[in-house]
Amino acid sequence: MGISLLFGTDLYLQDHNLLSSDVIPDGQQALGDGVEPTEARFQESTDDISYGGFYFAGYNLGDISSRNGIPVFSKQTRLWIQRHVGVEAFTAFNTMIEHDRAIPTCHQTINSAGWDALPPRHIIEAYISIYKASPLRLVFPIIQETLFQRTVSLAYEDTPSFLGRDVLNAKTCILAFTAALSVLEPEQTAVLSNNAALCADRAEQSILSVLAAPTIDGLQASIMLLLYRDFCGQLQAATLLHSISWRCVSLFRAHVRPDTGVGTDTVRGQCIVEHLRGLFWLCYFFDKHISLRSGQPPVIDDSLCDLTIPREYAGCVSIQQAAMEPCSWQSSPDLFPCDLELTKLKSKVFTVLYSYSALTKPDAQLLRDIRELDAELESWRISVPSNIRPCLSKVTGVVESNVPQSLGMYVVFVHFEYLFLLATIHRACGRCQAWRDNGVDAQETALHSSLALSVQGSRSTLRLLKVAFWDIHRESFWLIIFYPMWATITIFCNLLYNPGFEANSDLELLKLLPSLIKGMHIRQVSAIERMQLDLLDSFFGEIVRLAECAIRHGPNSVDIIA
């Protein structure tokens, strides 16, 4: 497949051994040699493919757009909304969605000549210093300092006529690192260089060659590009990069036991093994998070992985220590983007409740699974230190003042994850047949109790966004926006389904979103990202408008949607 189909550029790089043979898994041969690019196209209908769907109190409310992660309601559901609110629903928004689908998610086109031109070495050395000094290196451990210094040396060595495999692959990794750090630490890197997009595009010219000869530099490059595209809101590109990254992780056997071809009895060998496992956990996090945002099934099968938490991993305990000793984070083990136990539980939730096989479970089994998963989530919550423990009813004072802001963002993210999982676990009750059959009393009680917990978790999500606004890492916008988006949908549906005494306070929560979201996004954005932001603005604006109409329109009889 040509690179133009993957990343929207008009360039592709044929396999000319552009990836380093620095470390190749034992027994692995180059893949794809001699394969010509094809002219295949993605079918337009793939924009509408998803799994699981969205159910609320017996109503099937449609799927998630796989292009940008913004929920798109089915025509039948829009008619159901219109009966509640008395006006047309999502007409202008759907027009924007169709226009967005017609526009390719292309990045800037660059000349293939000189694609591997790097920023000056002193800039990269400064970037490395910035990364080492940032608490975000614990959250996104994308490089290992000792190994990366070798990469830098290779990339900048004098090669007057012939660029070997090692050198070219190192250059790709340097370009990807430049792009990734620009979104992790934008203020510090902006004064040094403003060519992040160009560096990302250049690196992507060679990324398919990662499949031809998997190397650590190539794997790092693909994960860093994944991070960059995801932080820029380019969900399709991030999804494809994740698939490539996971392929490399599995070839190294980093999902079970890293197989690097070097002995682990040396310092370098041990560094490689530990770094590969860290890259696996990054892939694992992005797999579950991108899957939820895109509506596509996860790529990673948990049953094929060793999900043993690293022995030195401390998770939220590290944050507690940082609060007591502000400089202690510098010697802390990696945190990763979210608590690993919670990420594993998230994967289980979607396997048990939202996989294809889960959709046919009888009510009794579904409700039993909901109770068991709720108990597991509560067990995890209790394990978190009390001063940073998430809570359904209390969202004030989430981050202590003496915790570094980047680590405070980690706490906020964990709280978002907890509330989202709580709401998601109990939202699954919406698929129960009892909503249609007016089930037995005991089951009705369980259903309404679950629905209430899902709605309350969603309300707390929006309150958390308001309370923790200044603790949010602005460049994480596209990772964070997922949570208020689904909270909004749940609250909106509840307002239509059961407009009780909290309807007006729910409306006030919804009204907060547009201004909060505009305040979150401060980086200069590309034209493509601007279109995504306009879609978001239209989506939330339409939700608020329809909620106001629903309250004015009053209760109305409804028909169950199949």
Protein backbone atom coordinates (compact mmCIF):
# COMPACT_ATOMS: atom_id res chain seq x y z
CA MET A 1 0.00 0.00 0.00
CA GLY A 2 1.37 3.40 -0.91
CA ILE A 3 2.11 5.99 1.73
CA SER A 4 -0.29 8.34 -0.03
CA LEU A 5 -3.19 6.11 1.01
CA LEU A 6 -2.06 6.06 4.62
CA PHE A 7 -1.25 9.66 5.29
CA GLY A 8 -2.86 11.62 2.48
CA THR A 9 0.36 12.86 0.88
CA ASP A 10 1.18 12.34 -2.79
CA LEU A 11 4.48 10.69 -1.88
CA TYR A 12 5.47 7.16 -1.17
CA LEU A 13 8.84 5.71 -0.40
CA GLN A 14 9.69 2.41 -1.97
CA ASP A 15 11.57 -0.05 0.15
CA HIS A 16 15.21 1.02 -0.18
CA ASN A 17 16.30 -0.38 3.19
CA LEU A 18 15.48 2.89 4.95
CA LEU A 19 15.25 1.37 8.40
CA SER A 20 18.15 0.63 10.64
CA SER A 21 19.26 -2.89 11.35
CA ASP A 22 20.36 -1.65 14.76
CA VAL A 23 18.37 -4.32 16.57
CA ILE A 24 16.28 -6.83 14.60
CA PRO A 25 14.31 -9.58 16.35
CA ASP A 26 15.86 -13.03 16.10
CA GLY A 27 14.53 -15.05 13.19
CA GLN A 28 12.67 -12.12 11.62
CA GLN A 29 13.12 -11.44 7.93
CA ALA A 30 12.33 -8.23 6.11
CA LEU A 31 8.67 -8.10 5.13
CA GLY A 32 7.21 -6.63 1.99
CA ASP A 33 10.36 -6.50 -0.15
CA GLY A 34 9.50 -5.92 -3.78
CA VAL A 35 5.83 -5.20 -3.14
CA GLU A 36 4.58 -2.43 -5.39
CA PRO A 37 2.20 0.23 -4.10
CA THR A 38 -1.39 -0.36 -5.06
CA GLU A 39 -4.09 2.03 -6.19
CA ALA A 40 -6.65 0.63 -3.75
CA ARG A 41 -9.04 3.09 -2.12
CA PHE A 42 -10.83 3.13 1.18
CA GLN A 43 -14.55 2.77 0.67
CA GLU A 44 -16.57 5.75 1.76
CA SER A 45 -18.77 3.45 3.82
CA THR A 46 -15.91 2.76 6.25
CA ASP A 47 -16.66 6.11 7.86
CA ASP A 48 -19.80 4.54 9.29
CA ILE A 49 -18.42 1.23 10.54
CA SER A 50 -18.27 0.79 14.30
CA TYR A 51 -18.83 -1.82 16.94
CA GLY A 52 -21.07 -1.85 19.98
CA GLY A 53 -23.10 1.23 19.16
CA PHE A 54 -24.61 3.54 21.77
CA TYR A 55 -27.68 2.45 23.72
CA PHE A 56 -29.64 4.43 26.27
CA ALA A 57 -32.55 3.00 28.25
CA GLY A 58 -33.54 0.63 25.45
CA TYR A 59 -32.89 3.05 22.58
CA ASN A 60 -30.23 2.38 19.98
CA LEU A 61 -28.77 5.83 19.40
CA GLY A 62 -26.40 5.04 16.57
CA ASP A 63 -22.66 4.69 16.17
CA ILE A 64 -19.45 6.68 16.44
CA SER A 65 -17.87 8.21 13.37
CA SER A 66 -14.57 6.47 12.80
CA ARG A 67 -13.14 9.51 11.06
CA ASN A 68 -13.07 12.00 13.90
CA GLY A 69 -14.58 10.31 16.96
CA ILE A 70 -17.60 12.63 17.07
CA PRO A 71 -20.88 10.75 17.68
CA VAL A 72 -23.22 10.64 14.70
CA PHE A 73 -26.85 9.71 15.33
CA SER A 74 -28.82 7.55 12.95
CA LYS A 75 -31.69 9.12 10.99
CA GLN A 76 -34.24 7.22 13.06
CA THR A 77 -32.72 8.52 16.28
CA ARG A 78 -32.72 12.08 14.98
CA LEU A 79 -36.45 11.71 14.36
CA TRP A 80 -36.85 10.44 17.93
CA ILE A 81 -35.01 13.52 19.21
CA GLN A 82 -37.19 15.77 17.07
CA ARG A 83 -40.34 14.32 18.66
CA HIS A 84 -38.97 15.31 22.06
CA VAL A 85 -37.75 18.78 21.20
CA GLY A 86 -40.25 19.88 18.55
CA VAL A 87 -37.59 21.04 16.04
CA GLU A 88 -35.26 19.46 13.50
CA ALA A 89 -32.14 17.93 15.04
CA PHE A 90 -28.53 17.94 13.81
CA THR A 91 -29.41 19.07 10.27
CA ALA A 92 -26.63 21.65 9.94
CA PHE A 93 -24.22 19.44 11.87
CA ASN A 94 -24.78 16.49 9.54
CA THR A 95 -24.10 18.75 6.58
CA MET A 96 -20.76 19.66 8.16
CA ILE A 97 -20.00 15.98 8.76
CA GLU A 98 -20.64 15.13 5.12
CA HIS A 99 -18.45 18.03 4.02
CA ASP A 100 -15.72 16.85 6.37
CA ARG A 101 -15.85 13.33 4.92
CA ALA A 102 -15.33 14.70 1.43
CA ILE A 103 -12.05 16.36 2.42
CA PRO A 104 -8.95 14.14 2.53
CA THR A 105 -7.04 14.22 5.79
CA CYS A 106 -3.87 15.20 4.01
CA HIS A 107 -0.80 16.72 5.50
CA GLN A 108 1.40 19.17 3.69
CA THR A 109 3.11 17.91 0.56
CA ILE A 110 6.88 18.02 0.63
CA ASN A 111 9.56 17.38 -1.92
CA SER A 112 11.11 13.95 -1.52
CA ALA A 113 14.53 15.42 -2.19
CA GLY A 114 16.20 16.21 1.13
CA TRP A 115 13.41 14.56 3.14
CA ASP A 116 15.97 13.48 5.75
CA ALA A 117 17.33 16.98 6.43
CA LEU A 118 17.45 17.31 10.20
CA PRO A 119 17.23 20.25 12.58
CA PRO A 120 20.67 21.37 13.77
CA ARG A 121 22.16 18.97 16.29
CA HIS A 122 22.25 21.56 19.07
CA ILE A 123 18.47 21.91 18.72
CA ILE A 124 17.99 18.17 19.23
CA GLU A 125 20.36 18.17 22.21
CA ALA A 126 18.26 20.99 23.69
CA TYR A 127 15.09 18.97 23.01
CA ILE A 128 16.58 16.01 24.86
CA SER A 129 17.37 18.23 27.85
CA ILE A 130 13.80 19.57 27.82
CA TYR A 131 12.41 16.03 27.74
CA LYS A 132 14.69 14.85 30.58
CA ALA A 133 13.60 17.79 32.77
CA SER A 134 9.88 17.33 32.07
CA PRO A 135 7.58 15.23 34.29
CA LEU A 136 5.88 14.21 31.05
CA ARG A 137 8.78 11.86 30.34
CA LEU A 138 7.22 9.62 33.02
CA VAL A 139 3.82 9.78 31.33
CA PHE A 140 5.11 9.27 27.78
CA PRO A 141 8.40 7.30 28.01
CA ILE A 142 9.03 7.47 24.25
CA ILE A 143 12.82 7.27 24.42
CA GLN A 144 15.47 5.78 26.68
CA GLU A 145 18.24 8.30 27.21
CA THR A 146 21.26 6.01 26.78
CA LEU A 147 19.87 4.29 23.69
CA PHE A 148 18.71 7.56 22.16
CA GLN A 149 22.16 9.14 22.43
CA ARG A 150 23.38 6.43 20.07
CA THR A 151 20.51 7.28 17.72
CA VAL A 152 21.56 10.94 17.74
CA SER A 153 25.17 10.04 17.03
CA LEU A 154 24.14 7.88 14.08
CA ALA A 155 21.80 10.50 12.66
CA TYR A 156 24.40 13.26 12.69
CA GLU A 157 27.49 11.35 11.62
CA ASP A 158 29.18 12.46 8.41
CA THR A 159 27.97 10.39 5.45
CA PRO A 160 29.13 12.16 2.28
CA SER A 161 27.74 9.78 -0.32
CA PHE A 162 25.91 6.76 1.09
CA LEU A 163 23.35 6.69 3.88
CA GLY A 164 23.34 3.29 5.53
CA ARG A 165 20.37 1.60 7.09
CA ASP A 166 21.30 2.59 10.62
CA VAL A 167 21.79 6.24 9.73
CA LEU A 168 18.60 6.66 7.73
CA ASN A 169 16.52 4.97 10.39
CA ALA A 170 18.09 7.15 13.08
CA LYS A 171 17.20 10.24 11.05
CA THR A 172 13.58 9.08 10.88
CA CYS A 173 13.55 8.66 14.65
CA ILE A 174 15.03 12.13 15.23
CA LEU A 175 12.40 13.73 12.99
CA ALA A 176 9.61 11.91 14.84
CA PHE A 177 11.05 12.92 18.22
CA THR A 178 11.12 16.57 17.14
CA ALA A 179 7.44 16.39 16.20
CA ALA A 180 6.39 14.53 19.36
CA LEU A 181 8.15 16.87 21.77
CA SER A 182 6.55 19.86 20.07
CA VAL A 183 3.16 18.73 21.37
CA LEU A 184 4.38 17.53 24.76
CA GLU A 185 6.29 20.73 25.59
CA PRO A 186 5.09 23.31 23.04
CA GLU A 187 6.13 26.45 24.91
CA GLN A 188 9.73 25.37 25.45
CA THR A 189 10.25 23.88 22.00
CA ALA A 190 8.59 26.73 20.08
CA VAL A 191 11.48 29.09 20.81
CA LEU A 192 13.88 26.59 19.23
CA SER A 193 11.99 25.39 16.18
CA ASN A 194 8.56 25.65 14.60
CA ASN A 195 8.91 22.90 11.99
CA ALA A 196 7.11 20.11 13.84
CA ALA A 197 4.59 19.42 11.07
CA LEU A 198 7.32 19.31 8.45
CA CYS A 199 9.39 16.93 10.59
CA ALA A 200 6.38 14.65 11.06
CA ASP A 201 5.65 14.59 7.34
CA ARG A 202 9.26 13.82 6.53
CA ALA A 203 9.39 10.98 9.04
CA GLU A 204 6.20 9.48 7.65
CA GLN A 205 7.75 9.12 4.23
CA SER A 206 9.72 6.14 5.53
CA ILE A 207 7.41 4.76 8.19
CA LEU A 208 6.05 1.87 6.12
CA SER A 209 9.58 0.52 5.94
CA VAL A 210 9.24 -0.23 9.65
CA LEU A 211 7.31 -3.28 8.53
CA ALA A 212 10.12 -4.30 6.22
CA ALA A 213 12.79 -4.44 8.93
CA PRO A 214 11.51 -3.77 12.45
CA THR A 215 14.03 -1.94 14.62
CA ILE A 216 13.90 -0.09 17.90
CA ASP A 217 14.48 3.25 16.18
CA GLY A 218 11.69 2.45 13.74
CA LEU A 219 9.33 1.41 16.54
CA GLN A 220 10.10 4.56 18.51
CA ALA A 221 9.50 6.66 15.40
CA SER A 222 6.10 5.11 14.70
CA ILE A 223 4.94 5.53 18.32
CA MET A 224 6.14 9.14 18.44
CA LEU A 225 4.32 9.88 15.18
CA LEU A 226 1.24 8.18 16.62
CA LEU A 227 1.46 10.46 19.65
CA TYR A 228 1.92 13.54 17.45
CA ARG A 229 -1.03 12.76 15.14
CA ASP A 230 -3.27 11.86 18.07
CA PHE A 231 -2.44 15.11 19.88
CA CYS A 232 -3.20 17.00 16.66
CA GLY A 233 -6.65 15.41 16.41
CA GLN A 234 -5.81 13.38 13.28
CA LEU A 235 -7.55 10.23 14.41
CA GLN A 236 -7.34 8.24 11.16
CA ALA A 237 -3.60 8.76 10.82
CA ALA A 238 -3.12 7.91 14.51
CA THR A 239 -5.13 4.72 14.07
CA LEU A 240 -3.00 3.56 11.16
CA LEU A 241 0.23 4.45 12.93
CA HIS A 242 -0.94 2.48 15.95
CA SER A 243 -1.45 -0.61 13.80
CA ILE A 244 2.08 -0.26 12.44
CA SER A 245 3.49 0.26 15.93
CA TRP A 246 1.71 -2.79 17.29
CA ARG A 247 3.04 -4.92 14.44
CA CYS A 248 6.59 -3.96 15.42
CA VAL A 249 5.93 -4.51 19.13
CA SER A 250 4.69 -8.04 18.46
CA LEU A 251 7.65 -8.85 16.20
CA PHE A 252 9.96 -7.92 19.06
CA ARG A 253 7.75 -10.06 21.34
CA ALA A 254 7.59 -7.08 23.67
CA HIS A 255 3.97 -8.05 24.40
CA VAL A 256 5.22 -11.21 26.15
CA ARG A 257 9.00 -11.39 26.40
CA PRO A 258 11.19 -8.96 24.48
CA ASP A 259 13.35 -10.81 21.95
CA THR A 260 16.05 -8.35 20.93
CA GLY A 261 18.87 -10.54 19.75
CA VAL A 262 21.12 -9.13 22.48
CA GLY A 263 21.83 -10.59 25.88
CA THR A 264 20.01 -9.20 28.89
CA ASP A 265 23.07 -9.75 31.07
CA THR A 266 24.55 -6.49 29.79
CA VAL A 267 23.48 -3.01 30.85
CA ARG A 268 22.52 -2.15 27.27
CA GLY A 269 20.61 -5.39 26.84
CA GLN A 270 18.60 -4.77 30.01
CA CYS A 271 17.88 -1.20 28.90
CA ILE A 272 16.55 -2.49 25.59
CA VAL A 273 14.30 -5.08 27.24
CA GLU A 274 12.83 -2.58 29.71
CA HIS A 275 12.38 0.07 27.04
CA LEU A 276 10.58 -2.36 24.73
CA ARG A 277 8.16 -3.27 27.50
CA GLY A 278 7.57 0.42 28.10
CA LEU A 279 6.78 0.90 24.41
CA PHE A 280 4.38 -2.05 24.64
CA TRP A 281 2.48 -0.36 27.48
CA LEU A 282 2.28 2.87 25.48
CA CYS A 283 0.83 0.90 22.55
CA TYR A 284 -1.58 -0.84 24.90
CA PHE A 285 -2.88 2.47 26.25
CA PHE A 286 -3.33 3.98 22.79
CA ASP A 287 -5.01 0.79 21.57
CA LYS A 288 -7.81 1.05 24.11
CA HIS A 289 -8.14 4.82 23.92
CA ILE A 290 -8.17 5.09 20.12
CA SER A 291 -10.61 2.19 19.92
CA LEU A 292 -13.12 4.05 22.08
CA ARG A 293 -12.75 7.29 20.15
CA SER A 294 -12.95 5.72 16.70
CA GLY A 295 -15.61 3.11 17.40
CA GLN A 296 -13.35 0.44 15.90
CA PRO A 297 -12.40 -2.83 17.62
CA PRO A 298 -9.07 -2.80 19.44
CA VAL A 299 -6.03 -4.16 17.62
CA ILE A 300 -4.45 -5.82 20.66
CA ASP A 301 -5.86 -9.12 21.92
CA ASP A 302 -5.27 -9.13 25.67
CA SER A 303 -5.27 -12.92 25.81
CA LEU A 304 -2.08 -12.99 23.72
CA CYS A 305 -0.20 -10.55 25.98
CA ASP A 306 1.65 -10.73 29.26
CA LEU A 307 -0.15 -7.99 31.18
CA THR A 308 1.89 -8.35 34.34
CA ILE A 309 2.37 -4.86 35.76
CA PRO A 310 6.07 -3.88 35.97
CA ARG A 311 7.49 -4.67 39.40
CA GLU A 312 8.67 -1.12 40.01
CA TYR A 313 5.42 0.49 38.79
CA ALA A 314 3.82 2.69 41.46
CA GLY A 315 1.08 4.50 39.54
CA CYS A 316 -0.90 6.91 41.67
CA VAL A 317 1.37 6.25 44.66
CA SER A 318 4.09 8.14 42.76
CA ILE A 319 1.81 11.17 42.65
CA GLN A 320 1.23 10.95 46.39
CA GLN A 321 4.99 10.90 46.94
CA ALA A 322 5.41 13.88 44.60
CA ALA A 323 2.87 15.80 46.70
CA MET A 324 4.85 15.12 49.87
CA GLU A 325 8.29 15.53 48.27
CA PRO A 326 7.97 17.74 45.17
CA CYS A 327 11.32 16.66 43.69
CA SER A 328 10.77 12.92 44.21
CA TRP A 329 9.20 12.52 40.75
CA GLN A 330 12.64 12.85 39.16
CA SER A 331 13.56 9.36 40.36
CA SER A 332 10.09 7.83 39.96
CA PRO A 333 9.44 4.90 37.62
CA ASP A 334 7.38 5.49 34.49
CA LEU A 335 3.70 6.31 35.02
CA PHE A 336 2.40 5.93 31.45
CA PRO A 337 -0.61 8.01 30.29
CA CYS A 338 -3.01 6.36 32.73
CA ASP A 339 -2.91 3.93 35.63
CA LEU A 340 -2.07 0.55 34.09
CA GLU A 341 -4.53 -1.41 36.23
CA LEU A 342 -7.30 0.97 35.20
CA THR A 343 -6.31 0.64 31.54
CA LYS A 344 -6.47 -3.14 31.83
CA LEU A 345 -9.91 -2.84 33.42
CA LYS A 346 -11.03 -0.57 30.59
CA SER A 347 -10.07 -3.27 28.12
CA LYS A 348 -12.03 -5.83 30.11
CA VAL A 349 -15.10 -3.60 30.27
CA PHE A 350 -15.30 -3.36 26.51
CA THR A 351 -14.62 -7.05 25.98
CA VAL A 352 -17.26 -8.13 28.48
CA LEU A 353 -19.90 -5.49 27.74
CA TYR A 354 -19.35 -4.08 24.25
CA SER A 355 -17.71 -6.75 22.09
CA TYR A 356 -19.71 -8.44 19.34
CA SER A 357 -20.38 -11.50 21.50
CA ALA A 358 -21.53 -9.29 24.39
CA LEU A 359 -24.33 -7.80 22.29
CA THR A 360 -26.34 -11.04 22.47
CA LYS A 361 -26.10 -11.63 26.21
CA PRO A 362 -29.41 -12.16 28.03
CA ASP A 363 -30.44 -9.52 30.54
CA ALA A 364 -29.54 -11.59 33.61
CA GLN A 365 -25.99 -12.20 32.36
CA LEU A 366 -25.53 -8.59 31.30
CA LEU A 367 -26.66 -7.25 34.68
CA ARG A 368 -24.43 -9.75 36.49
CA ASP A 369 -21.44 -8.62 34.39
CA ILE A 370 -22.27 -4.99 35.18
CA ARG A 371 -22.29 -5.71 38.93
CA GLU A 372 -19.00 -7.62 38.79
CA LEU A 373 -17.22 -4.95 36.76
CA ASP A 374 -18.57 -2.24 39.04
CA ALA A 375 -17.12 -4.14 42.00
CA GLU A 376 -13.73 -4.41 40.25
CA LEU A 377 -13.74 -0.69 39.51
CA GLU A 378 -14.58 0.09 43.13
CA SER A 379 -11.78 -2.21 44.30
CA TRP A 380 -9.34 -0.30 42.12
CA ARG A 381 -10.67 3.05 43.40
CA ILE A 382 -10.13 2.05 47.02
CA SER A 383 -6.53 1.11 46.21
CA VAL A 384 -5.75 4.71 45.18
CA PRO A 385 -4.25 6.93 47.93
CA SER A 386 -7.07 8.81 49.64
CA ASN A 387 -5.76 12.30 48.85
CA ILE A 388 -6.01 11.70 45.09
CA ARG A 389 -8.74 9.04 45.03
CA PRO A 390 -11.48 9.65 42.44
CA CYS A 391 -15.02 9.92 43.70
CA LEU A 392 -18.41 9.95 42.01
CA SER A 393 -19.85 12.78 44.08
CA LYS A 394 -16.78 14.91 44.89
CA VAL A 395 -14.69 16.50 42.14
CA THR A 396 -13.21 19.46 44.02
CA GLY A 397 -9.57 19.66 45.05
CA VAL A 398 -8.46 17.00 42.56
CA VAL A 399 -4.82 18.12 42.36
CA GLU A 400 -2.75 19.32 45.31
CA SER A 401 -0.97 22.61 44.72
CA ASN A 402 2.55 21.25 45.25
CA VAL A 403 2.25 18.55 42.57
CA PRO A 404 3.98 19.51 39.27
CA GLN A 405 1.36 20.51 36.70
CA SER A 406 2.28 17.74 34.27
CA LEU A 407 1.77 15.14 37.00
CA GLY A 408 -1.38 16.93 38.10
CA MET A 409 -2.65 16.32 34.59
CA TYR A 410 -2.04 12.61 35.15
CA VAL A 411 -4.31 12.72 38.22
CA VAL A 412 -7.00 14.56 36.25
CA PHE A 413 -6.77 12.00 33.46
CA VAL A 414 -7.14 9.12 35.92
CA HIS A 415 -10.24 10.80 37.39
CA PHE A 416 -11.71 11.23 33.90
CA GLU A 417 -11.02 7.55 33.18
CA TYR A 418 -12.67 6.42 36.39
CA LEU A 419 -15.84 8.45 35.81
CA PHE A 420 -15.98 7.40 32.17
CA LEU A 421 -15.64 3.71 33.05
CA LEU A 422 -18.28 3.97 35.76
CA ALA A 423 -20.69 5.59 33.30
CA THR A 424 -19.77 3.14 30.55
CA ILE A 425 -20.22 0.05 32.71
CA HIS A 426 -23.70 1.10 33.78
CA ARG A 427 -24.69 2.52 30.39
CA ALA A 428 -24.58 -1.06 29.08
CA CYS A 429 -27.88 -1.66 30.88
CA GLY A 430 -29.45 0.30 28.03
CA ARG A 431 -29.31 -2.85 25.89
CA CYS A 432 -31.48 -4.89 28.25
CA GLN A 433 -34.66 -6.25 26.76
CA ALA A 434 -36.50 -5.40 29.98
CA TRP A 435 -36.69 -1.74 28.91
CA ARG A 436 -38.98 -2.90 26.12
CA ASP A 437 -40.80 -5.60 28.04
CA ASN A 438 -41.34 -3.61 31.25
CA GLY A 439 -39.44 -6.45 33.05
CA VAL A 440 -40.03 -7.68 36.57
CA ASP A 441 -39.84 -5.21 39.43
CA ALA A 442 -36.45 -6.35 40.74
CA GLN A 443 -34.91 -6.07 37.31
CA GLU A 444 -36.50 -2.68 36.70
CA THR A 445 -34.93 -1.44 39.93
CA ALA A 446 -31.50 -2.66 38.83
CA LEU A 447 -31.90 -1.05 35.42
CA HIS A 448 -32.91 2.34 36.76
CA SER A 449 -30.17 2.21 39.38
CA SER A 450 -27.56 1.52 36.70
CA LEU A 451 -28.92 4.25 34.47
CA ALA A 452 -28.79 6.74 37.35
CA LEU A 453 -25.14 5.86 38.05
CA SER A 454 -24.27 6.34 34.39
CA VAL A 455 -25.90 9.77 34.34
CA GLN A 456 -24.30 10.81 37.63
CA GLY A 457 -20.88 9.76 36.37
CA SER A 458 -21.44 11.90 33.29
CA ARG A 459 -22.46 14.93 35.36
CA SER A 460 -19.35 14.55 37.49
CA THR A 461 -17.25 14.40 34.32
CA LEU A 462 -18.45 17.84 33.23
CA ARG A 463 -17.98 19.23 36.74
CA LEU A 464 -14.45 17.82 36.76
CA LEU A 465 -13.70 19.58 33.47
CA LYS A 466 -14.70 22.87 35.07
CA VAL A 467 -12.89 22.31 38.39
CA ALA A 468 -9.66 20.96 36.89
CA PHE A 469 -9.59 23.30 33.90
CA TRP A 470 -6.24 24.90 34.78
CA ASP A 471 -4.60 21.55 35.55
CA ILE A 472 -5.25 20.18 32.06
CA HIS A 473 -2.28 19.94 29.71
CA ARG A 474 -3.63 21.91 26.76
CA GLU A 475 -1.87 19.81 24.14
CA SER A 476 -3.80 16.77 25.42
CA PHE A 477 -6.99 18.37 24.13
CA TRP A 478 -7.89 15.57 21.71
CA LEU A 479 -7.29 12.90 24.36
CA ILE A 480 -9.38 14.75 26.95
CA ILE A 481 -12.28 15.95 24.79
CA PHE A 482 -13.48 12.37 24.43
CA TYR A 483 -14.69 12.34 28.05
CA PRO A 484 -16.94 15.43 28.10
CA MET A 485 -18.23 14.45 24.67
CA TRP A 486 -19.70 11.16 25.88
CA ALA A 487 -20.79 12.68 29.16
CA THR A 488 -22.72 15.27 27.16
CA ILE A 489 -24.48 12.60 25.10
CA THR A 490 -25.52 10.69 28.22
CA ILE A 491 -26.84 13.79 30.00
CA PHE A 492 -28.65 14.96 26.87
CA CYS A 493 -30.32 11.59 26.35
CA ASN A 494 -31.37 11.49 29.99
CA LEU A 495 -32.80 14.98 29.68
CA LEU A 496 -34.99 13.76 26.81
CA TYR A 497 -35.86 10.42 28.38
CA ASN A 498 -36.41 11.54 31.96
CA PRO A 499 -36.56 15.35 32.32
CA GLY A 500 -36.78 15.46 36.10
CA PHE A 501 -36.04 18.20 38.61
CA GLU A 502 -32.37 18.28 37.57
CA ALA A 503 -33.11 19.19 33.95
CA ASN A 504 -32.28 22.87 34.37
CA SER A 505 -29.05 22.20 36.26
CA ASP A 506 -28.10 19.67 33.57
CA LEU A 507 -28.71 22.33 30.94
CA GLU A 508 -26.40 24.72 32.78
CA LEU A 509 -23.70 22.03 32.78
CA LEU A 510 -24.09 21.59 29.03
CA LYS A 511 -23.88 25.34 28.48
CA LEU A 512 -20.46 25.44 30.14
CA LEU A 513 -18.87 23.24 27.52
CA PRO A 514 -18.42 25.52 24.48
CA SER A 515 -16.52 28.20 26.40
CA LEU A 516 -14.45 25.68 28.37
CA ILE A 517 -13.45 23.83 25.23
CA LYS A 518 -12.43 27.01 23.43
CA GLY A 519 -10.32 27.94 26.43
CA MET A 520 -8.61 24.55 26.47
CA HIS A 521 -7.19 24.76 22.98
CA ILE A 522 -4.48 27.42 22.81
CA ARG A 523 -2.02 26.06 20.25
CA GLN A 524 -1.99 27.37 16.70
CA VAL A 525 -3.84 24.74 14.71
CA SER A 526 -3.67 23.45 11.16
CA ALA A 527 -6.51 23.83 8.65
CA ILE A 528 -7.51 20.20 9.16
CA GLU A 529 -7.56 20.58 12.94
CA ARG A 530 -9.57 23.79 12.60
CA MET A 531 -12.25 21.85 10.70
CA GLN A 532 -12.36 19.28 13.51
CA LEU A 533 -12.71 22.04 16.09
CA ASP A 534 -15.50 23.63 14.08
CA LEU A 535 -17.27 20.26 14.04
CA LEU A 536 -16.94 20.01 17.81
CA ASP A 537 -18.23 23.53 18.28
CA SER A 538 -21.22 22.76 16.07
CA PHE A 539 -21.88 19.48 17.87
CA PHE A 540 -21.89 20.96 21.38
CA GLY A 541 -23.80 24.02 20.22
CA GLU A 542 -26.51 21.80 18.73
CA ILE A 543 -26.73 19.75 21.93
CA VAL A 544 -27.30 22.91 23.98
CA ARG A 545 -29.90 24.26 21.51
CA LEU A 546 -31.83 20.98 21.50
CA ALA A 547 -31.67 20.67 25.29
CA GLU A 548 -33.20 24.13 25.62
CA CYS A 549 -35.92 23.17 23.15
CA ALA A 550 -36.60 19.94 25.05
CA ILE A 551 -37.17 21.80 28.31
CA ARG A 552 -39.49 24.28 26.58
CA HIS A 553 -41.25 21.51 24.69
CA GLY A 554 -41.95 19.48 27.83
CA PRO A 555 -42.46 15.72 28.24
CA ASN A 556 -43.66 13.86 25.19
CA SER A 557 -44.63 10.29 24.46
CA VAL A 558 -42.00 8.26 22.66
CA ASP A 559 -41.76 5.05 20.71
CA ILE A 560 -39.02 2.53 21.38
CA ILE A 561 -36.43 2.48 18.60
CA ALA A 562 -35.24 -0.92 17.46
